[in-house]
C-alpha cells in the first residue's frame, strides 16, 4: 500500500540587517542597549585561568606617556626599503605559486 505525499511545514529564519541608520538615533540606541542587557550576563566573568589584573613592563595606559612619540614607532628610510623589498619578494612568491597551481589545473584537464 502506498501513501500519498505528506504535508509538512518548515520555517526558515533569515538574517536581517539591524535597524541602524547613518545618523545616530538616541532612542534606538537605548532600546538596543536594554534589549542586549537581557542577553548578556550581569557580571561577566573572566575565562578560567585568566589573571584578574595584568601587570608587567608591557602593560601601560595613555597617562603613562607624555606624547605620541613615546608609543609611535618611526622607521628609517632603509627600514622602509627593507620592508618594501620583503613585500615584493612575498608577492612574487604568491604569484609564482598561483601560476604553478593554474598550470597544474590546465594539465589536469
Foldseek 3Di string as FASTA:
>chain_A
DDDDDDDDDDDDDDDDDDPQDPDDDVVVVVVVVVVVVVVDDPDDDDPPPDDPDDDDDVDDDPVVDDDPVVPDDDDDPVVVVVVVVVVVVVVVVVVVVVVVVVVVVVVVD
